[in-house]
């Protein structure tokens, strides 16, 4: 399953280039450092290639922690296995809180149901620290698509079962499952066309090969603003200030769907609870710096910093949700 990500490579590289400025912006109030925070070099494992959203988040967080704590903090791009190699490396790391995992939602809440023989069990092997950041999702179409809103889309799809098609970043991606949930809620059948990323999907959407695309907002925002694409609805519970005129699915008459792409931080399960709490507190202090928030917002990411107990409940809730969708829609990976 491909890792969903809101940042284009160009935007990601621009963000990484801004790290020196971020380093100068983050304060270093060492006196209020949480007592249980590890006093050793830190490693943040990003199990995907450099330049992507996970790598960007890991590097920004590592830089901020290094400045704040005065301890070395490095990023380890442990790639391979659709993220599973890096995840398993953190599972096997010492339980002292010095090794952390930065990971997208799907690897934690979708893959355990979708993929067989994973080398880890999320709830058994990892302690949730925090959800770090989110980015909205939405459904877009070409400007000449006959349905002008969600109600018209549902009517059109019911009149032409399986004649319409939508693209996603891949089978089992969060955006794929969000559209399958939409089909379940509306009683429609819309054919799924999986892609590896969004470049070809956008080209096919504009060329008429597919009619709809489920996407992270930052990926399609420029095209929507330029009129090259039309946004039908957000899949999130609230409208986005970046596109304030685009309704949510609930506002458009399809309640019960709240799908937001997010990125979280975990450590090995045996890390003591006071250490987990201390890591959360220090990461929250880093990410809540105004300069940090501004840089994240510019890349389409919203800082969240959920505490460990709230994040753990989110993992349980979303894992159950996607397991149900996968079973009901008979989704499998070849």
Protein backbone atom coordinates (compact mmCIF):
# COMPACT_ATOMS: atom_id res chain seq x y z
CA UNK A 1 0.00 0.00 0.00
CA UNK A 2 1.44 3.39 -0.91
CA UNK A 3 1.98 5.84 1.88
CA UNK A 4 -0.43 8.75 1.54
CA UNK A 5 1.28 12.12 1.67
CA UNK A 6 0.18 15.71 1.17
CA UNK A 7 3.48 17.22 0.10
CA UNK A 8 4.87 17.34 -3.38
CA UNK A 9 8.61 16.66 -3.62
CA UNK A 10 9.28 20.29 -4.57
CA UNK A 11 7.33 21.57 -1.57
CA UNK A 12 9.02 19.07 0.72
CA UNK A 13 12.48 20.13 -0.43
CA UNK A 14 11.55 23.77 0.06
CA UNK A 15 10.40 22.95 3.57
CA UNK A 16 13.67 21.18 4.36
CA UNK A 17 15.57 24.19 3.06
CA UNK A 18 13.79 26.28 5.70
CA UNK A 19 15.11 24.18 8.59
CA UNK A 20 17.93 26.59 9.51
CA UNK A 21 15.34 29.33 10.03
CA UNK A 22 13.25 26.99 12.13
CA UNK A 23 16.26 26.17 14.25
CA UNK A 24 16.80 29.84 15.00
CA UNK A 25 13.07 30.26 15.78
CA UNK A 26 12.74 27.44 18.33
CA UNK A 27 13.64 28.49 21.85
CA UNK A 28 15.69 26.37 24.19
CA UNK A 29 14.19 26.68 27.70
CA UNK A 30 16.23 23.79 29.08
CA UNK A 31 15.13 24.62 32.62
CA UNK A 32 11.58 23.37 31.98
CA UNK A 33 12.57 20.16 30.19
CA UNK A 34 10.34 17.31 31.38
CA UNK A 35 12.25 15.32 34.04
CA UNK A 36 11.47 11.93 32.49
CA UNK A 37 12.62 12.91 29.00
CA UNK A 38 15.53 10.71 27.78
CA UNK A 39 18.96 12.31 28.31
CA UNK A 40 20.65 10.51 25.40
CA UNK A 41 20.97 10.97 21.63
CA UNK A 42 17.62 10.63 19.88
CA UNK A 43 16.69 8.83 16.65
CA UNK A 44 13.49 9.50 14.73
CA UNK A 45 12.79 6.71 12.25
CA UNK A 46 11.08 7.85 9.04
CA UNK A 47 10.31 4.62 7.15
CA UNK A 48 9.98 6.31 3.75
CA UNK A 49 12.34 8.03 1.33
CA UNK A 50 13.82 11.50 1.96
CA UNK A 51 11.83 14.48 0.74
CA UNK A 52 8.37 13.10 1.49
CA UNK A 53 6.00 14.30 4.23
CA UNK A 54 7.15 11.76 6.81
CA UNK A 55 10.79 12.69 6.26
CA UNK A 56 9.94 16.40 6.48
CA UNK A 57 8.02 15.99 9.73
CA UNK A 58 10.75 13.82 11.24
CA UNK A 59 13.49 16.31 10.36
CA UNK A 60 11.60 19.31 11.64
CA UNK A 61 10.78 17.54 14.89
CA UNK A 62 14.33 16.23 15.28
CA UNK A 63 15.77 19.70 14.74
CA UNK A 64 13.39 21.21 17.26
CA UNK A 65 14.10 18.55 19.88
CA UNK A 66 17.85 18.93 19.39
CA UNK A 67 17.67 22.69 19.93
CA UNK A 68 15.32 22.38 22.88
CA UNK A 69 17.09 19.55 24.70
CA UNK A 70 20.70 20.17 23.68
CA UNK A 71 20.97 16.50 22.69
CA UNK A 72 21.78 15.10 19.24
CA UNK A 73 18.65 14.10 17.29
CA UNK A 74 19.00 12.29 13.96
CA UNK A 75 16.56 11.03 11.33
CA UNK A 76 16.93 7.45 10.11
CA UNK A 77 15.22 6.86 6.74
CA UNK A 78 14.73 3.13 7.23
CA UNK A 79 12.92 2.43 3.96
CA UNK A 80 11.41 -0.67 2.39
CA UNK A 81 8.40 -2.92 2.71
CA UNK A 82 5.89 -0.04 2.36
CA UNK A 83 7.17 1.29 5.67
CA UNK A 84 7.17 -2.03 7.51
CA UNK A 85 10.96 -2.36 7.74
CA UNK A 86 11.27 0.92 9.61
CA UNK A 87 8.27 0.13 11.80
CA UNK A 88 9.76 -3.21 12.80
CA UNK A 89 13.12 -1.57 13.54
CA UNK A 90 11.44 0.68 16.10
CA UNK A 91 9.56 -2.31 17.56
CA UNK A 92 12.92 -3.95 18.27
CA UNK A 93 14.63 -0.80 19.57
CA UNK A 94 15.58 -0.36 23.26
CA UNK A 95 12.60 0.68 25.37
CA UNK A 96 14.23 3.85 26.68
CA UNK A 97 12.38 6.40 24.55
CA UNK A 98 15.39 7.38 22.47
CA UNK A 99 14.04 5.75 19.28
CA UNK A 100 10.77 7.12 17.89
CA UNK A 101 8.64 6.34 14.84
CA UNK A 102 7.05 9.00 12.61
CA UNK A 103 4.36 7.30 10.54
CA UNK A 104 1.19 8.00 8.50
CA UNK A 105 -2.26 6.84 9.56
CA UNK A 106 -2.67 4.04 7.07
CA UNK A 107 0.30 2.01 8.30
CA UNK A 108 -1.27 1.88 11.75
CA UNK A 109 -5.02 1.72 11.13
CA UNK A 110 -5.41 0.07 7.70
CA UNK A 111 -2.45 -2.22 7.01
CA UNK A 112 -3.00 -4.49 10.03
CA UNK A 113 -6.33 -5.57 8.53
CA UNK A 114 -5.39 -5.36 4.86
CA UNK A 115 -1.96 -7.03 4.85
CA UNK A 116 -1.02 -10.49 6.02
CA UNK A 117 2.02 -11.53 8.02
CA UNK A 118 3.04 -8.11 9.31
CA UNK A 119 6.00 -8.39 11.68
CA UNK A 120 4.24 -6.27 14.32
CA UNK A 121 0.93 -5.76 16.10
CA UNK A 122 0.34 -2.07 16.70
CA UNK A 123 -1.49 -2.30 20.02
CA UNK A 124 0.86 -4.96 21.39
CA UNK A 125 4.19 -3.56 20.16
CA UNK A 126 3.89 0.24 20.29
CA UNK A 127 3.02 2.98 22.75
CA UNK A 128 1.18 5.88 21.09
CA UNK A 129 2.80 9.24 21.86
CA UNK A 130 0.90 11.79 19.79
CA UNK A 131 -0.79 12.58 16.53
CA UNK A 132 1.51 15.30 15.21
CA UNK A 133 -0.24 16.86 12.23
CA UNK A 134 -3.20 16.49 9.89
CA UNK A 135 -4.15 17.52 6.38
CA UNK A 136 -7.66 17.64 4.91
CA UNK A 137 -8.96 15.38 2.14
CA UNK A 138 -11.49 16.15 -0.56
CA UNK A 139 -13.22 14.87 -3.68
CA UNK A 140 -12.55 16.73 -6.93
CA UNK A 141 -13.71 16.49 -10.53
CA UNK A 142 -13.01 18.16 -13.85
CA UNK A 143 -14.71 21.53 -14.46
CA UNK A 144 -17.08 20.06 -17.07
CA UNK A 145 -18.25 17.14 -14.93
CA UNK A 146 -22.07 17.19 -15.12
CA UNK A 147 -22.67 16.86 -11.37
CA UNK A 148 -22.30 20.26 -9.71
CA UNK A 149 -22.62 18.99 -6.12
CA UNK A 150 -22.69 15.80 -4.06
CA UNK A 151 -26.45 15.29 -4.41
CA UNK A 152 -26.14 15.42 -8.19
CA UNK A 153 -23.13 13.09 -8.04
CA UNK A 154 -25.12 10.51 -6.07
CA UNK A 155 -28.04 10.76 -8.48
CA UNK A 156 -25.73 10.39 -11.47
CA UNK A 157 -23.90 7.41 -9.95
CA UNK A 158 -27.19 5.65 -9.16
CA UNK A 159 -28.44 6.24 -12.69
CA UNK A 160 -25.21 4.85 -14.16
CA UNK A 161 -23.86 2.11 -11.83
CA UNK A 162 -20.13 1.51 -12.37
CA UNK A 163 -20.08 3.89 -15.34
CA UNK A 164 -18.29 6.55 -13.27
CA UNK A 165 -14.79 6.00 -11.89
CA UNK A 166 -12.57 7.60 -9.28
CA UNK A 167 -8.82 7.59 -8.74
CA UNK A 168 -6.87 7.21 -5.51
CA UNK A 169 -3.19 6.87 -4.47
CA UNK A 170 -3.56 3.08 -4.38
CA UNK A 171 -5.49 0.06 -3.16
CA UNK A 172 -5.88 0.22 0.60
CA UNK A 173 -4.85 3.85 0.89
CA UNK A 174 -6.89 5.96 3.26
CA UNK A 175 -8.34 7.90 0.33
CA UNK A 176 -9.39 4.67 -1.40
CA UNK A 177 -11.21 3.55 1.75
CA UNK A 178 -12.78 6.99 2.23
CA UNK A 179 -14.40 6.70 -1.20
CA UNK A 180 -15.51 3.15 -0.48
CA UNK A 181 -17.12 4.44 2.71
CA UNK A 182 -18.82 7.14 0.63
CA UNK A 183 -20.18 4.50 -1.75
CA UNK A 184 -21.45 2.45 1.17
CA UNK A 185 -23.19 5.44 2.78
CA UNK A 186 -24.81 6.57 -0.48
CA UNK A 187 -25.64 3.17 -2.00
CA UNK A 188 -23.67 3.93 -5.16
CA UNK A 189 -21.22 1.95 -7.26
CA UNK A 190 -18.29 3.93 -8.65
CA UNK A 191 -15.34 2.05 -10.13
CA UNK A 192 -11.98 2.43 -8.39
CA UNK A 193 -8.85 3.16 -10.44
CA UNK A 194 -5.70 2.94 -8.26
CA UNK A 195 -2.59 4.97 -9.08
CA UNK A 196 0.94 5.21 -7.72
CA UNK A 197 0.74 8.80 -6.57
CA UNK A 198 -1.28 11.62 -8.06
CA UNK A 199 0.54 12.92 -11.15
CA UNK A 200 -0.97 10.40 -13.57
CA UNK A 201 -4.29 10.47 -11.74
CA UNK A 202 -4.58 14.23 -12.23
CA UNK A 203 -3.69 13.87 -15.90
CA UNK A 204 -6.32 11.17 -16.39
CA UNK A 205 -8.92 13.21 -14.53
CA UNK A 206 -8.38 16.21 -16.76
CA UNK A 207 -8.28 13.94 -19.82
CA UNK A 208 -11.59 12.30 -18.98
CA UNK A 209 -10.24 8.80 -18.28
CA UNK A 210 -11.62 9.04 -14.74
CA UNK A 211 -14.36 11.32 -13.43
CA UNK A 212 -13.42 11.80 -9.77
CA UNK A 213 -10.33 11.91 -7.59
CA UNK A 214 -9.93 11.52 -3.84
CA UNK A 215 -6.92 13.55 -2.75
CA UNK A 216 -5.12 15.35 0.04
CA UNK A 217 -6.04 19.01 -0.24
CA UNK A 218 -2.52 20.43 -0.73
CA UNK A 219 -1.96 18.20 -3.77
CA UNK A 220 -4.92 19.64 -5.71
CA UNK A 221 -5.34 23.05 -4.07
CA UNK A 222 -3.51 25.05 -6.80
CA UNK A 223 -5.56 23.39 -9.56
CA UNK A 224 -8.81 24.04 -7.69
CA UNK A 225 -7.93 27.69 -7.15
CA UNK A 226 -6.97 28.06 -10.82
CA UNK A 227 -10.25 26.51 -11.99
CA UNK A 228 -8.59 23.45 -13.52
CA UNK A 229 -10.42 21.24 -11.03
CA UNK A 230 -13.69 21.61 -9.15
CA UNK A 231 -14.01 20.57 -5.50
CA UNK A 232 -17.25 18.75 -4.65
CA UNK A 233 -16.79 18.17 -0.91
CA UNK A 234 -14.37 17.75 1.96
CA UNK A 235 -14.24 14.30 3.59
CA UNK A 236 -13.51 15.92 6.95
CA UNK A 237 -15.87 17.01 9.72
CA UNK A 238 -15.17 20.70 9.17
CA UNK A 239 -14.60 22.93 6.18
CA UNK A 240 -11.07 23.95 5.36
CA UNK A 241 -10.14 27.64 5.69
CA UNK A 242 -8.09 27.14 2.52
CA UNK A 243 -11.32 26.41 0.59
CA UNK A 244 -14.05 27.87 2.80
CA UNK A 245 -16.80 27.58 0.16
CA UNK A 246 -16.41 23.80 -0.24
CA UNK A 247 -18.91 21.92 1.97
CA UNK A 248 -18.22 18.85 4.03
CA UNK A 249 -19.88 15.59 3.03
CA UNK A 250 -22.14 15.92 6.06
CA UNK A 251 -23.23 19.37 4.95
CA UNK A 252 -23.81 17.93 1.47
CA UNK A 253 -26.18 15.29 2.82
CA UNK A 254 -23.83 12.37 3.50
CA UNK A 255 -23.27 12.20 7.28
CA UNK A 256 -21.01 9.79 9.13
CA UNK A 257 -17.79 10.37 7.18
CA UNK A 258 -14.84 12.13 8.80
CA UNK A 259 -11.59 11.11 7.11
CA UNK A 260 -8.51 13.23 7.73
CA UNK A 261 -4.98 12.26 6.74
CA UNK A 262 -2.70 12.40 9.75
CA UNK A 263 0.81 11.58 10.92
CA UNK A 264 1.69 10.20 14.33
CA UNK A 265 4.56 9.46 16.71
CA UNK A 266 5.06 6.13 18.50
CA UNK A 267 7.72 4.40 20.62
CA UNK A 268 8.22 0.77 21.62
CA UNK A 269 5.46 -0.52 23.92
CA UNK A 270 7.76 -1.16 26.89
CA UNK A 271 8.81 2.50 27.18
CA UNK A 272 7.60 3.61 30.66
CA UNK A 273 4.47 5.76 30.73
CA UNK A 274 6.22 8.77 32.35
CA UNK A 275 8.77 8.76 29.51
CA UNK A 276 6.00 8.55 26.89
CA UNK A 277 4.26 11.52 28.52
CA UNK A 278 7.52 13.50 28.65
CA UNK A 279 8.21 12.86 24.96
CA UNK A 280 4.70 14.07 24.13
CA UNK A 281 5.14 17.24 26.19
CA UNK A 282 8.46 18.13 24.58
CA UNK A 283 7.26 17.42 21.04
CA UNK A 284 4.17 19.54 21.65
CA UNK A 285 6.30 22.44 22.87
CA UNK A 286 8.42 22.21 19.73
CA UNK A 287 5.54 21.97 17.26
CA UNK A 288 3.45 24.69 18.91
CA UNK A 289 6.10 27.32 18.32
CA UNK A 290 4.44 30.04 16.13
CA UNK A 291 7.18 29.86 13.53
CA UNK A 292 6.82 26.09 13.36
CA UNK A 293 3.04 26.31 12.94
CA UNK A 294 3.44 28.84 10.13
CA UNK A 295 5.87 26.63 8.24
CA UNK A 296 3.65 23.58 8.68
CA UNK A 297 0.57 25.50 7.55
CA UNK A 298 2.39 26.69 4.44
CA UNK A 299 2.84 23.04 3.47
CA UNK A 300 -0.82 22.17 4.07
CA UNK A 301 -0.21 20.56 7.45
CA UNK A 302 -2.05 21.50 10.63
CA UNK A 303 -0.28 20.91 13.96
CA UNK A 304 -2.47 18.89 16.35
CA UNK A 305 -0.39 17.25 19.15
CA UNK A 306 -2.94 14.86 20.66
CA UNK A 307 -1.88 13.49 24.07
CA UNK A 308 -1.10 9.77 24.34
CA UNK A 309 -4.48 8.63 25.67
CA UNK A 310 -6.45 10.56 23.05
CA UNK A 311 -4.16 9.32 20.30
CA UNK A 312 -4.52 5.72 21.52
CA UNK A 313 -8.31 6.00 21.36
CA UNK A 314 -8.08 7.41 17.84
CA UNK A 315 -6.00 4.43 16.77
CA UNK A 316 -8.55 1.98 18.20
CA UNK A 317 -11.50 3.83 16.65
CA UNK A 318 -10.05 4.22 13.17
CA UNK A 319 -8.66 0.68 13.07
CA UNK A 320 -12.15 -0.66 13.79
CA UNK A 321 -13.68 1.66 11.19
CA UNK A 322 -11.33 0.63 8.39
CA UNK A 323 -11.51 -3.04 9.29
CA UNK A 324 -15.26 -2.82 8.79
CA UNK A 325 -14.93 -1.03 5.44
CA UNK A 326 -12.34 -3.54 4.22
CA UNK A 327 -14.60 -6.46 5.11
CA UNK A 328 -17.83 -4.92 3.80
CA UNK A 329 -16.28 -3.81 0.50
CA UNK A 330 -14.22 -7.02 0.07
CA UNK A 331 -10.98 -5.08 -0.41
CA UNK A 332 -7.84 -7.12 -0.92
CA UNK A 333 -4.26 -6.46 -2.02
CA UNK A 334 -2.84 -8.74 -4.69
